Amino acid sequence: MSRLSVLAATAAGVMLLSHPIHAHGVAGAHMFVSTLLIDDPNVADEASLPTFMWLPQPGDGGVTPSAASASIEFDKRLTENFGFAIAGGYQWLRTPGQKTANGWQNLEGTLKYKAYVNAEHEFMLSVGVTREFARTGANGSNGAVLGNADVSSTTPKIYFGKGFGDLPIGWARAFALTGTLGLQMPDKGLKVDSDASPLNNGDSKQWQGGVSLQYSLRYLQAQVKDLGLPNVINRMTPLVEVAWSSSASKPNNTSTQYLFGVGVNYTADTYAVTVEALLPGNAQSGSHPGIVAQFHLYFDDLLPNSLGAPVARWFQAS
């Protein structure tokens, strides 16, 4: 599921019009599609293979470094509503006139429980916890340059999705809002001296979150008015999202960051493709626009009786 500095890329999506729906993120008639900067509220059997991100970083003295990463994530349900995810990847930091820094990202593991779904009001709520395992990626000075934490951390999170089907305005019912909020808590707190220089390798606590606004053409066609659009257009969902992070304790060694994504999701029967332009919200998030793209597989459609089924169902079948 994520990363540029502390931002994460993740996804989930599905076709709603003429194909059966299995374990995708659906509340009532609304489907919550792939977003790449924040995690979605659903629990499913899926994989991101890969998520690619490129973004110019804040410059120093006229030199503008650029960061890139290629990440993968595997999500698996243990029961119908409870599952886990494992994420990792490789990253590069290129600075003109210097040797490119590169290395593996720290591994992340997530447990998530889909706690509540209200079909009538197109609402979904989940809770979860993410653990970053320090020193599982590049470490030392190279890891620090790449942004890998030197201390493991735990992040409790909440996730939600809300379709706008309750609205009395027909065309507006195709909107949906998703979001997440978490508090990252490192195993070791940061200590500094009187000059605010670090005395240890600890980190400060951080708030992490974001929201996405989606407009589902498949919902518009199926639930509001059939405009006779080609099927390739029906499968698209334009979206905009923002991810942010800010310090939640003192002393701290990070600044507030905002990163916007504007793009489109395309969901076929067994896969989804999402592409977004990245727009830094402040100087700490980046110096110029970038791009993020993801290819996503749905095992519940590809392999519904094996890898796409919850682990608990495997034992029931046997």
C-alpha atoms as a PDB file:
ATOM      1  CA  MET A   1       0.000   0.000   0.000  1.00  0.00           C
ATOM      2  CA  SER A   2       2.513   3.526  -0.065  1.00  0.00           C
ATOM      3  CA  ARG A   3       5.260   5.915  -0.093  1.00  0.00           C
ATOM      4  CA  LEU A   4       6.970   9.123  -0.932  1.00  0.00           C
ATOM      5  CA  SER A   5       8.489  10.393   2.315  1.00  0.00           C
ATOM      6  CA  VAL A   6       5.555   9.236   4.472  1.00  0.00           C
ATOM      7  CA  LEU A   7       2.868   8.983   1.770  1.00  0.00           C
ATOM      8  CA  ALA A   8       1.479   5.718   0.528  1.00  0.00           C
ATOM      9  CA  ALA A   9       0.077   4.336  -2.657  1.00  0.00           C
ATOM     10  CA  THR A  10      -2.627   1.656  -2.541  1.00  0.00           C
ATOM     11  CA  ALA A  11      -5.714   0.480  -4.326  1.00  0.00           C
ATOM     12  CA  ALA A  12      -8.996  -1.419  -4.782  1.00  0.00           C
ATOM     13  CA  GLY A  13     -11.641  -1.302  -7.574  1.00  0.00           C
ATOM     14  CA  VAL A  14     -14.283  -3.365  -9.418  1.00  0.00           C
ATOM     15  CA  MET A  15     -16.763  -3.413 -12.307  1.00  0.00           C
ATOM     16  CA  LEU A  16     -20.383  -2.718 -11.277  1.00  0.00           C
ATOM     17  CA  LEU A  17     -22.561  -2.603 -14.373  1.00  0.00           C
ATOM     18  CA  SER A  18     -22.856  -5.907 -16.198  1.00  0.00           C
ATOM     19  CA  HIS A  19     -20.641  -8.281 -14.187  1.00  0.00           C
ATOM     20  CA  PRO A  20     -21.186  -9.988 -10.807  1.00  0.00           C
ATOM     21  CA  ILE A  21     -19.578  -8.380  -7.775  1.00  0.00           C
ATOM     22  CA  HIS A  22     -17.657 -10.532  -5.314  1.00  0.00           C
ATOM     23  CA  ALA A  23     -15.449  -9.167  -2.520  1.00  0.00           C
ATOM     24  CA  HIS A  24     -14.716  -5.697  -3.894  1.00  0.00           C
ATOM     25  CA  GLY A  25     -15.328  -2.436  -2.049  1.00  0.00           C
ATOM     26  CA  VAL A  26     -19.072  -2.080  -2.555  1.00  0.00           C
ATOM     27  CA  ALA A  27     -21.600  -0.445  -0.239  1.00  0.00           C
ATOM     28  CA  GLY A  28     -25.103  -0.708  -1.664  1.00  0.00           C
ATOM     29  CA  ALA A  29     -24.953   0.364  -5.312  1.00  0.00           C
ATOM     30  CA  HIS A  30     -21.674   2.243  -4.937  1.00  0.00           C
ATOM     31  CA  MET A  31     -18.166   0.958  -5.537  1.00  0.00           C
ATOM     32  CA  PHE A  32     -15.037   2.568  -4.109  1.00  0.00           C
ATOM     33  CA  VAL A  33     -12.299   2.394  -6.735  1.00  0.00           C
ATOM     34  CA  SER A  34      -8.511   2.480  -6.720  1.00  0.00           C
ATOM     35  CA  THR A  35      -6.811   5.407  -5.028  1.00  0.00           C
ATOM     36  CA  LEU A  36      -3.045   5.566  -4.964  1.00  0.00           C
ATOM     37  CA  LEU A  37      -2.105   7.997  -2.194  1.00  0.00           C
ATOM     38  CA  ILE A  38      -4.411   6.639   0.525  1.00  0.00           C
ATOM     39  CA  ASP A  39      -5.706   3.175   1.383  1.00  0.00           C
ATOM     40  CA  ASP A  40      -9.313   2.243   0.643  1.00  0.00           C
ATOM     41  CA  PRO A  41     -11.779   0.957   3.289  1.00  0.00           C
ATOM     42  CA  ASN A  42     -12.324  -2.515   1.837  1.00  0.00           C
ATOM     43  CA  VAL A  43     -10.846  -5.891   2.781  1.00  0.00           C
ATOM     44  CA  ALA A  44     -10.244  -8.136  -0.243  1.00  0.00           C
ATOM     45  CA  ASP A  45      -7.986 -10.624  -2.045  1.00  0.00           C
ATOM     46  CA  GLU A  46      -5.876  -8.563  -4.429  1.00  0.00           C
ATOM     47  CA  ALA A  47      -2.398  -7.406  -5.399  1.00  0.00           C
ATOM     48  CA  SER A  48      -0.733  -4.275  -6.787  1.00  0.00           C
ATOM     49  CA  LEU A  49       1.887  -5.364  -9.336  1.00  0.00           C
ATOM     50  CA  PRO A  50       3.359  -2.759  -9.317  1.00  0.00           C
ATOM     51  CA  THR A  51       2.747   0.807  -8.204  1.00  0.00           C
ATOM     52  CA  PHE A  52       5.216   3.192  -9.856  1.00  0.00           C
ATOM     53  CA  MET A  53       5.786   6.702  -8.498  1.00  0.00           C
ATOM     54  CA  TRP A  54       8.051   9.548  -9.670  1.00  0.00           C
ATOM     55  CA  LEU A  55       8.238  12.995  -8.070  1.00  0.00           C
ATOM     56  CA  PRO A  56      10.867  15.782  -8.122  1.00  0.00           C
ATOM     57  CA  GLN A  57      11.957  16.559  -4.558  1.00  0.00           C
ATOM     58  CA  PRO A  58      12.545  19.923  -2.856  1.00  0.00           C
ATOM     59  CA  GLY A  59      15.742  21.438  -4.263  1.00  0.00           C
ATOM     60  CA  ASP A  60      18.754  22.917  -2.489  1.00  0.00           C
ATOM     61  CA  GLY A  61      20.879  25.566  -4.138  1.00  0.00           C
ATOM     62  CA  GLY A  62      19.225  25.144  -7.525  1.00  0.00           C
ATOM     63  CA  VAL A  63      19.718  21.351  -7.642  1.00  0.00           C
ATOM     64  CA  THR A  64      16.457  19.377  -7.922  1.00  0.00           C
ATOM     65  CA  PRO A  65      16.679  15.692  -6.989  1.00  0.00           C
ATOM     66  CA  SER A  66      13.990  13.294  -8.203  1.00  0.00           C
ATOM     67  CA  ALA A  67      12.586  10.298  -6.317  1.00  0.00           C
ATOM     68  CA  ALA A  68      11.115   7.173  -7.904  1.00  0.00           C
ATOM     69  CA  SER A  69       9.804   3.904  -6.497  1.00  0.00           C
ATOM     70  CA  ALA A  70       8.334   0.631  -7.718  1.00  0.00           C
ATOM     71  CA  SER A  71       6.241  -1.061  -5.019  1.00  0.00           C
ATOM     72  CA  ILE A  72       4.145  -4.202  -4.706  1.00  0.00           C
ATOM     73  CA  GLU A  73       1.432  -5.158  -2.247  1.00  0.00           C
ATOM     74  CA  PHE A  74      -0.409  -8.408  -1.537  1.00  0.00           C
ATOM     75  CA  ASP A  75      -3.747  -8.403   0.317  1.00  0.00           C
ATOM     76  CA  LYS A  76      -5.416 -11.568   1.670  1.00  0.00           C
ATOM     77  CA  ARG A  77      -8.642 -12.133   3.555  1.00  0.00           C
ATOM     78  CA  LEU A  78      -8.568 -14.520   6.514  1.00  0.00           C
ATOM     79  CA  THR A  79     -12.339 -14.271   7.005  1.00  0.00           C
ATOM     80  CA  GLU A  80     -14.976 -12.435   4.999  1.00  0.00           C
ATOM     81  CA  ASN A  81     -14.239  -9.133   6.743  1.00  0.00           C
ATOM     82  CA  PHE A  82     -10.741  -9.525   8.262  1.00  0.00           C
ATOM     83  CA  GLY A  83      -7.461  -9.689   6.368  1.00  0.00           C
ATOM     84  CA  PHE A  84      -3.840  -8.658   6.127  1.00  0.00           C
ATOM     85  CA  ALA A  85      -1.546  -6.931   3.632  1.00  0.00           C
ATOM     86  CA  ILE A  86       2.204  -7.012   3.025  1.00  0.00           C
ATOM     87  CA  ALA A  87       3.896  -4.199   1.077  1.00  0.00           C
ATOM     88  CA  GLY A  88       7.414  -3.362  -0.035  1.00  0.00           C
ATOM     89  CA  GLY A  89       9.386  -2.080  -2.988  1.00  0.00           C
ATOM     90  CA  TYR A  90      12.526  -0.521  -4.404  1.00  0.00           C
ATOM     91  CA  GLN A  91      13.338   3.185  -4.628  1.00  0.00           C
ATOM     92  CA  TRP A  92      15.765   5.538  -6.311  1.00  0.00           C
ATOM     93  CA  LEU A  93      16.884   9.091  -5.491  1.00  0.00           C
ATOM     94  CA  ARG A  94      18.723  10.807  -8.329  1.00  0.00           C
ATOM     95  CA  THR A  95      20.541  14.099  -7.750  1.00  0.00           C
ATOM     96  CA  PRO A  96      22.234  15.802 -10.729  1.00  0.00           C
ATOM     97  CA  GLY A  97      26.007  15.569 -10.426  1.00  0.00           C
ATOM     98  CA  GLN A  98      25.872  12.874  -7.741  1.00  0.00           C
ATOM     99  CA  LYS A  99      25.666   9.105  -7.599  1.00  0.00           C
ATOM    100  CA  THR A 100      22.095   7.781  -7.564  1.00  0.00           C
ATOM    101  CA  ALA A 101      21.031   6.446  -4.149  1.00  0.00           C
ATOM    102  CA  ASN A 102      18.904   3.319  -4.372  1.00  0.00           C
ATOM    103  CA  GLY A 103      17.697   0.477  -2.185  1.00  0.00           C
ATOM    104  CA  TRP A 104      14.739  -1.484  -0.826  1.00  0.00           C
ATOM    105  CA  GLN A 105      11.965   0.140   1.153  1.00  0.00           C
ATOM    106  CA  ASN A 106      11.205  -1.089   4.654  1.00  0.00           C
ATOM    107  CA  LEU A 107       8.557  -3.805   4.723  1.00  0.00           C
ATOM    108  CA  GLU A 108       5.088  -2.903   5.990  1.00  0.00           C
ATOM    109  CA  GLY A 109       2.359  -5.207   7.280  1.00  0.00           C
ATOM    110  CA  THR A 110      -1.300  -4.258   7.834  1.00  0.00           C
ATOM    111  CA  LEU A 111      -4.216  -5.910   9.597  1.00  0.00           C
ATOM    112  CA  LYS A 112      -7.652  -4.575   8.651  1.00  0.00           C
ATOM    113  CA  TYR A 113     -11.216  -5.354   9.758  1.00  0.00           C
ATOM    114  CA  LYS A 114     -14.292  -4.199   7.836  1.00  0.00           C
ATOM    115  CA  ALA A 115     -16.475  -3.311  10.802  1.00  0.00           C
ATOM    116  CA  TYR A 116     -19.628  -1.817   9.289  1.00  0.00           C
ATOM    117  CA  VAL A 117     -21.415  -1.551   5.939  1.00  0.00           C
ATOM    118  CA  ASN A 118     -24.688   0.320   5.426  1.00  0.00           C
ATOM    119  CA  ALA A 119     -25.959  -0.571   1.947  1.00  0.00           C
ATOM    120  CA  GLU A 120     -28.904   1.861   2.048  1.00  0.00           C
ATOM    121  CA  HIS A 121     -26.643   4.855   2.706  1.00  0.00           C
ATOM    122  CA  GLU A 122     -23.648   3.513   0.734  1.00  0.00           C
ATOM    123  CA  PHE A 123     -21.350   3.697   3.744  1.00  0.00           C
ATOM    124  CA  MET A 124     -18.392   1.524   4.766  1.00  0.00           C
ATOM    125  CA  LEU A 125     -16.181   1.743   7.877  1.00  0.00           C
ATOM    126  CA  SER A 126     -13.042  -0.257   8.667  1.00  0.00           C
ATOM    127  CA  VAL A 127     -10.328  -0.211  11.337  1.00  0.00           C
ATOM    128  CA  GLY A 128      -6.775  -1.429  11.087  1.00  0.00           C
ATOM    129  CA  VAL A 129      -3.178  -1.212  12.174  1.00  0.00           C
ATOM    130  CA  THR A 130       0.014  -0.932  10.096  1.00  0.00           C
ATOM    131  CA  ARG A 131       3.463  -1.955  11.258  1.00  0.00           C
ATOM    132  CA  GLU A 132       6.633  -0.668   9.557  1.00  0.00           C
ATOM    133  CA  PHE A 133       9.584  -2.995  10.159  1.00  0.00           C
ATOM    134  CA  ALA A 134      12.750  -0.920  10.402  1.00  0.00           C
ATOM    135  CA  ARG A 135      16.007  -2.168   8.824  1.00  0.00           C
ATOM    136  CA  THR A 136      14.191  -4.581   6.516  1.00  0.00           C
ATOM    137  CA  GLY A 137      15.133  -2.253   3.649  1.00  0.00           C
ATOM    138  CA  ALA A 138      18.190  -0.135   2.938  1.00  0.00           C
ATOM    139  CA  ASN A 139      19.617   1.188   6.194  1.00  0.00           C
ATOM    140  CA  GLY A 140      22.484   3.310   7.434  1.00  0.00           C
ATOM    141  CA  SER A 141      23.302   6.516   5.585  1.00  0.00           C
ATOM    142  CA  ASN A 142      21.823   5.183   2.329  1.00  0.00           C
ATOM    143  CA  GLY A 143      18.568   4.283   4.037  1.00  0.00           C
ATOM    144  CA  ALA A 144      18.392   7.706   5.674  1.00  0.00           C
ATOM    145  CA  VAL A 145      18.807   9.435   2.301  1.00  0.00           C
ATOM    146  CA  LEU A 146      16.004   7.296   0.861  1.00  0.00           C
ATOM    147  CA  GLY A 147      13.693   8.060   3.791  1.00  0.00           C
ATOM    148  CA  ASN A 148      13.656   4.606   5.421  1.00  0.00           C
ATOM    149  CA  ALA A 149      12.890   4.849   9.138  1.00  0.00           C
ATOM    150  CA  ASP A 150      15.600   3.508  11.436  1.00  0.00           C
ATOM    151  CA  VAL A 151      13.026   2.678  14.114  1.00  0.00           C
ATOM    152  CA  SER A 152       9.962   0.456  13.687  1.00  0.00           C
ATOM    153  CA  SER A 153       6.542   2.041  14.167  1.00  0.00           C
ATOM    154  CA  THR A 154       2.888   1.101  14.652  1.00  0.00           C
ATOM    155  CA  THR A 155       0.009   3.077  13.113  1.00  0.00           C
ATOM    156  CA  PRO A 156      -3.632   2.473  14.203  1.00  0.00           C
ATOM    157  CA  LYS A 157      -6.001   3.623  11.452  1.00  0.00           C
ATOM    158  CA  ILE A 158      -9.624   4.171  10.567  1.00  0.00           C
ATOM    159  CA  TYR A 159     -10.958   4.016   6.987  1.00  0.00           C
ATOM    160  CA  PHE A 160     -14.289   5.086   5.527  1.00  0.00           C
ATOM    161  CA  GLY A 161     -16.167   5.262   2.235  1.00  0.00           C
ATOM    162  CA  LYS A 162     -19.417   7.133   1.540  1.00  0.00           C
ATOM    163  CA  GLY A 163     -21.424   7.207  -1.670  1.00  0.00           C
ATOM    164  CA  PHE A 164     -23.585  10.243  -2.449  1.00  0.00           C
ATOM    165  CA  GLY A 165     -26.648   8.230  -3.489  1.00  0.00           C
ATOM    166  CA  ASP A 166     -28.699   9.995  -0.797  1.00  0.00           C
ATOM    167  CA  LEU A 167     -28.512  13.322  -2.655  1.00  0.00           C
ATOM    168  CA  PRO A 168     -31.672  14.555  -4.456  1.00  0.00           C
ATOM    169  CA  ILE A 169     -29.640  15.794  -7.445  1.00  0.00           C
ATOM    170  CA  GLY A 170     -29.323  12.992  -9.981  1.00  0.00           C
ATOM    171  CA  TRP A 171     -25.911  13.662 -11.481  1.00  0.00           C
ATOM    172  CA  ALA A 172     -24.387  14.340  -8.040  1.00  0.00           C
ATOM    173  CA  ARG A 173     -25.329  10.864  -6.779  1.00  0.00           C
ATOM    174  CA  ALA A 174     -22.388   9.417  -8.725  1.00  0.00           C
ATOM    175  CA  PHE A 175     -19.885  11.071  -6.343  1.00  0.00           C
ATOM    176  CA  ALA A 176     -18.203   9.147  -3.531  1.00  0.00           C
ATOM    177  CA  LEU A 177     -15.820  10.133  -0.761  1.00  0.00           C
ATOM    178  CA  THR A 178     -13.216   7.906   0.895  1.00  0.00           C
ATOM    179  CA  GLY A 179     -10.693   8.705   3.590  1.00  0.00           C
ATOM    180  CA  THR A 180      -8.296   7.439   6.223  1.00  0.00           C
ATOM    181  CA  LEU A 181      -6.683   8.768   9.399  1.00  0.00           C
ATOM    182  CA  GLY A 182      -3.887   7.243  11.456  1.00  0.00           C
ATOM    183  CA  LEU A 183      -1.372   8.040  14.180  1.00  0.00           C
ATOM    184  CA  GLN A 184       2.131   6.681  13.537  1.00  0.00           C
ATOM    185  CA  MET A 185       3.871   5.796  16.815  1.00  0.00           C
ATOM    186  CA  PRO A 186       7.568   4.895  16.628  1.00  0.00           C
ATOM    187  CA  ASP A 187       9.057   2.380  19.057  1.00  0.00           C
ATOM    188  CA  LYS A 188      11.622   4.990  20.133  1.00  0.00           C
ATOM    189  CA  GLY A 189      10.872   8.681  20.590  1.00  0.00           C
ATOM    190  CA  LEU A 190      13.162  11.381  19.243  1.00  0.00           C
ATOM    191  CA  LYS A 191      15.578  13.100  21.631  1.00  0.00           C
ATOM    192  CA  VAL A 192      17.418  16.325  20.783  1.00  0.00           C
ATOM    193  CA  ASP A 193      19.986  18.571  22.436  1.00  0.00           C
ATOM    194  CA  SER A 194      19.700  22.296  23.146  1.00  0.00           C
ATOM    195  CA  ASP A 195      20.446  23.063  19.487  1.00  0.00           C
ATOM    196  CA  ALA A 196      17.637  20.734  18.332  1.00  0.00           C
ATOM    197  CA  SER A 197      20.213  18.276  16.939  1.00  0.00           C
ATOM    198  CA  PRO A 198      19.170  14.584  17.248  1.00  0.00           C
ATOM    199  CA  LEU A 199      20.728  12.660  20.137  1.00  0.00           C
ATOM    200  CA  ASN A 200      19.396   9.277  19.015  1.00  0.00           C
ATOM    201  CA  ASN A 201      17.824   7.560  16.008  1.00  0.00           C
ATOM    202  CA  GLY A 202      14.264   7.954  17.310  1.00  0.00           C
ATOM    203  CA  ASP A 203      11.295   9.518  15.498  1.00  0.00           C
ATOM    204  CA  SER A 204       8.418  11.755  16.501  1.00  0.00           C
ATOM    205  CA  LYS A 205       4.773  10.705  16.331  1.00  0.00           C
ATOM    206  CA  GLN A 206       2.963  11.679  13.117  1.00  0.00           C
ATOM    207  CA  TRP A 207      -0.593  12.126  11.989  1.00  0.00           C
ATOM    208  CA  GLN A 208      -1.184  10.539   8.579  1.00  0.00           C
ATOM    209  CA  GLY A 209      -4.353  10.724   6.518  1.00  0.00           C
ATOM    210  CA  GLY A 210      -6.129  11.829   3.395  1.00  0.00           C
ATOM    211  CA  VAL A 211      -9.354  11.873   1.401  1.00  0.00           C
ATOM    212  CA  SER A 212     -10.399  11.079  -2.160  1.00  0.00           C
ATOM    213  CA  LEU A 213     -13.346  12.362  -4.204  1.00  0.00           C
ATOM    214  CA  GLN A 214     -14.484  10.006  -6.976  1.00  0.00           C
ATOM    215  CA  TYR A 215     -17.063  10.327  -9.750  1.00  0.00           C
ATOM    216  CA  SER A 216     -18.336   6.936 -10.907  1.00  0.00           C
ATOM    217  CA  LEU A 217     -19.526   6.862 -14.518  1.00  0.00           C
ATOM    218  CA  ARG A 218     -20.674   3.269 -14.006  1.00  0.00           C
ATOM    219  CA  TYR A 219     -22.915   4.438 -11.149  1.00  0.00           C
ATOM    220  CA  LEU A 220     -24.218   7.301 -13.290  1.00  0.00           C
ATOM    221  CA  GLN A 221     -25.103   4.879 -16.096  1.00  0.00           C
ATOM    222  CA  ALA A 222     -26.651   2.173 -13.902  1.00  0.00           C
ATOM    223  CA  GLN A 223     -28.339   4.154 -11.126  1.00  0.00           C
ATOM    224  CA  VAL A 224     -29.091   7.629 -12.533  1.00  0.00           C
ATOM    225  CA  LYS A 225     -29.380   7.764 -16.318  1.00  0.00           C
ATOM    226  CA  ASP A 226     -28.069   5.625 -19.151  1.00  0.00           C
ATOM    227  CA  LEU A 227     -26.251   8.059 -21.416  1.00  0.00           C
ATOM    228  CA  GLY A 228     -25.322   5.406 -23.950  1.00  0.00           C
ATOM    229  CA  LEU A 229     -21.599   5.786 -23.266  1.00  0.00           C
ATOM    230  CA  PRO A 230     -19.196   3.188 -24.695  1.00  0.00           C
ATOM    231  CA  ASN A 231     -18.292   0.412 -22.279  1.00  0.00           C
ATOM    232  CA  VAL A 232     -14.674   1.569 -22.107  1.00  0.00           C
ATOM    233  CA  ILE A 233     -15.906   4.942 -20.780  1.00  0.00           C
ATOM    234  CA  ASN A 234     -18.366   3.312 -18.362  1.00  0.00           C
ATOM    235  CA  ARG A 235     -15.457   1.554 -16.667  1.00  0.00           C
ATOM    236  CA  MET A 236     -13.678   4.833 -15.863  1.00  0.00           C
ATOM    237  CA  THR A 237     -13.846   6.835 -12.652  1.00  0.00           C
ATOM    238  CA  PRO A 238     -12.215  10.292 -12.561  1.00  0.00           C
ATOM    239  CA  LEU A 239     -10.869  11.107  -9.115  1.00  0.00           C
ATOM    240  CA  VAL A 240      -8.884  13.579  -7.045  1.00  0.00           C
ATOM    241  CA  GLU A 241      -7.210  12.828  -3.735  1.00  0.00           C
ATOM    242  CA  VAL A 242      -4.893  14.380  -1.180  1.00  0.00           C
ATOM    243  CA  ALA A 243      -2.582  12.705   1.340  1.00  0.00           C
ATOM    244  CA  TRP A 244      -1.001  14.579   4.238  1.00  0.00           C
ATOM    245  CA  SER A 245       1.218  14.061   7.248  1.00  0.00           C
ATOM    246  CA  SER A 246       2.171  16.270  10.176  1.00  0.00           C
ATOM    247  CA  SER A 247       4.007  15.951  13.479  1.00  0.00           C
ATOM    248  CA  ALA A 248       1.967  14.877  16.491  1.00  0.00           C
ATOM    249  CA  SER A 249       4.602  15.263  19.206  1.00  0.00           C
ATOM    250  CA  LYS A 250       7.586  17.364  20.251  1.00  0.00           C
ATOM    251  CA  PRO A 251      10.456  17.404  19.582  1.00  0.00           C
ATOM    252  CA  ASN A 252       9.990  16.499  15.923  1.00  0.00           C
ATOM    253  CA  ASN A 253      12.137  16.164  12.832  1.00  0.00           C
ATOM    254  CA  THR A 254       9.491  16.363  10.118  1.00  0.00           C
ATOM    255  CA  SER A 255       7.396  19.088   8.512  1.00  0.00           C
ATOM    256  CA  THR A 256       3.785  19.063   7.373  1.00  0.00           C
ATOM    257  CA  GLN A 257       3.376  17.682   3.850  1.00  0.00           C
ATOM    258  CA  TYR A 258       0.492  17.705   1.362  1.00  0.00           C
ATOM    259  CA  LEU A 259       0.430  15.779  -1.897  1.00  0.00           C
ATOM    260  CA  PHE A 260      -2.470  15.885  -4.392  1.00  0.00           C
ATOM    261  CA  GLY A 261      -3.290  13.277  -7.013  1.00  0.00           C
ATOM    262  CA  VAL A 262      -5.565  13.937 -10.010  1.00  0.00           C
ATOM    263  CA  GLY A 263      -6.324  11.137 -12.455  1.00  0.00           C
ATOM    264  CA  VAL A 264      -8.587   8.325 -13.583  1.00  0.00           C
ATOM    265  CA  ASN A 265      -9.245   4.711 -12.677  1.00  0.00           C
ATOM    266  CA  TYR A 266     -10.132   2.052 -15.253  1.00  0.00           C
ATOM    267  CA  THR A 267     -11.601  -1.184 -13.865  1.00  0.00           C
ATOM    268  CA  ALA A 268     -12.016  -4.279 -16.021  1.00  0.00           C
ATOM    269  CA  ASP A 269     -13.380  -7.666 -14.908  1.00  0.00           C
ATOM    270  CA  THR A 270     -10.239  -8.920 -13.158  1.00  0.00           C
ATOM    271  CA  TYR A 271      -7.888  -5.946 -13.010  1.00  0.00           C
ATOM    272  CA  ALA A 272      -7.711  -2.183 -12.649  1.00  0.00           C
ATOM    273  CA  VAL A 273      -5.333   0.479 -13.941  1.00  0.00           C
ATOM    274  CA  THR A 274      -5.058   3.876 -12.268  1.00  0.00           C
ATOM    275  CA  VAL A 275      -2.928   6.833 -13.373  1.00  0.00           C
ATOM    276  CA  GLU A 276      -2.651  10.124 -11.496  1.00  0.00           C
ATOM    277  CA  ALA A 277      -0.654  13.333 -11.841  1.00  0.00           C
ATOM    278  CA  LEU A 278       1.056  14.237  -8.562  1.00  0.00           C
ATOM    279  CA  LEU A 279       0.852  17.873  -7.444  1.00  0.00           C
ATOM    280  CA  PRO A 280       2.886  18.935  -4.379  1.00  0.00           C
ATOM    281  CA  GLY A 281       0.790  20.945  -1.958  1.00  0.00           C
ATOM    282  CA  ASN A 282       3.777  22.714  -0.405  1.00  0.00           C
ATOM    283  CA  ALA A 283       7.527  23.027  -0.845  1.00  0.00           C
ATOM    284  CA  GLN A 284       8.196  20.208   1.625  1.00  0.00           C
ATOM    285  CA  SER A 285       6.262  17.713  -0.538  1.00  0.00           C
ATOM    286  CA  GLY A 286       8.050  18.314  -3.844  1.00  0.00           C
ATOM    287  CA  SER A 287       9.310  20.906  -6.271  1.00  0.00           C
ATOM    288  CA  HIS A 288       7.422  20.004  -9.485  1.00  0.00           C
ATOM    289  CA  PRO A 289       4.549  17.757 -10.616  1.00  0.00           C
ATOM    290  CA  GLY A 290       5.135  14.027 -10.815  1.00  0.00           C
ATOM    291  CA  ILE A 291       3.180  10.872 -11.671  1.00  0.00           C
ATOM    292  CA  VAL A 292       1.941   7.681 -10.035  1.00  0.00           C
ATOM    293  CA  ALA A 293       0.477   4.631 -11.807  1.00  0.00           C
ATOM    294  CA  GLN A 294      -0.716   1.219 -10.671  1.00  0.00           C
ATOM    295  CA  PHE A 295      -1.744  -2.147 -12.125  1.00  0.00           C
ATOM    296  CA  HIS A 296      -4.068  -4.022  -9.778  1.00  0.00           C
ATOM    297  CA  LEU A 297      -5.257  -7.670  -9.831  1.00  0.00           C
ATOM    298  CA  TYR A 298      -8.456  -9.037  -8.215  1.00  0.00           C
ATOM    299  CA  PHE A 299      -7.984 -12.630  -7.111  1.00  0.00           C
ATOM    300  CA  ASP A 300     -11.636 -12.969  -6.061  1.00  0.00           C
ATOM    301  CA  ASP A 301     -12.511 -12.815  -9.778  1.00  0.00           C
ATOM    302  CA  LEU A 302      -9.379 -14.500 -11.143  1.00  0.00           C
ATOM    303  CA  LEU A 303      -9.298 -17.431  -8.674  1.00  0.00           C
ATOM    304  CA  PRO A 304     -12.607 -17.315  -6.776  1.00  0.00           C
ATOM    305  CA  ASN A 305     -12.305 -20.828  -5.314  1.00  0.00           C
ATOM    306  CA  SER A 306      -8.666 -20.691  -4.194  1.00  0.00           C
ATOM    307  CA  LEU A 307      -6.489 -17.602  -3.753  1.00  0.00           C
ATOM    308  CA  GLY A 308      -9.526 -15.355  -4.139  1.00  0.00           C
ATOM    309  CA  ALA A 309     -11.457 -16.955  -1.267  1.00  0.00           C
ATOM    310  CA  PRO A 310     -10.986 -16.197   2.455  1.00  0.00           C
ATOM    311  CA  VAL A 311      -8.667 -18.647   4.237  1.00  0.00           C
ATOM    312  CA  ALA A 312     -11.527 -19.638   6.562  1.00  0.00           C
ATOM    313  CA  ARG A 313     -13.495 -20.865   3.546  1.00  0.00           C
ATOM    314  CA  TRP A 314     -10.639 -23.178   2.502  1.00  0.00           C
ATOM    315  CA  PHE A 315     -11.111 -25.220   5.688  1.00  0.00           C
ATOM    316  CA  GLN A 316     -14.892 -25.258   5.277  1.00  0.00           C
ATOM    317  CA  ALA A 317     -14.481 -26.639   1.759  1.00  0.00           C
ATOM    318  CA  SER A 318     -12.160 -29.399   2.978  1.00  0.00           C
END
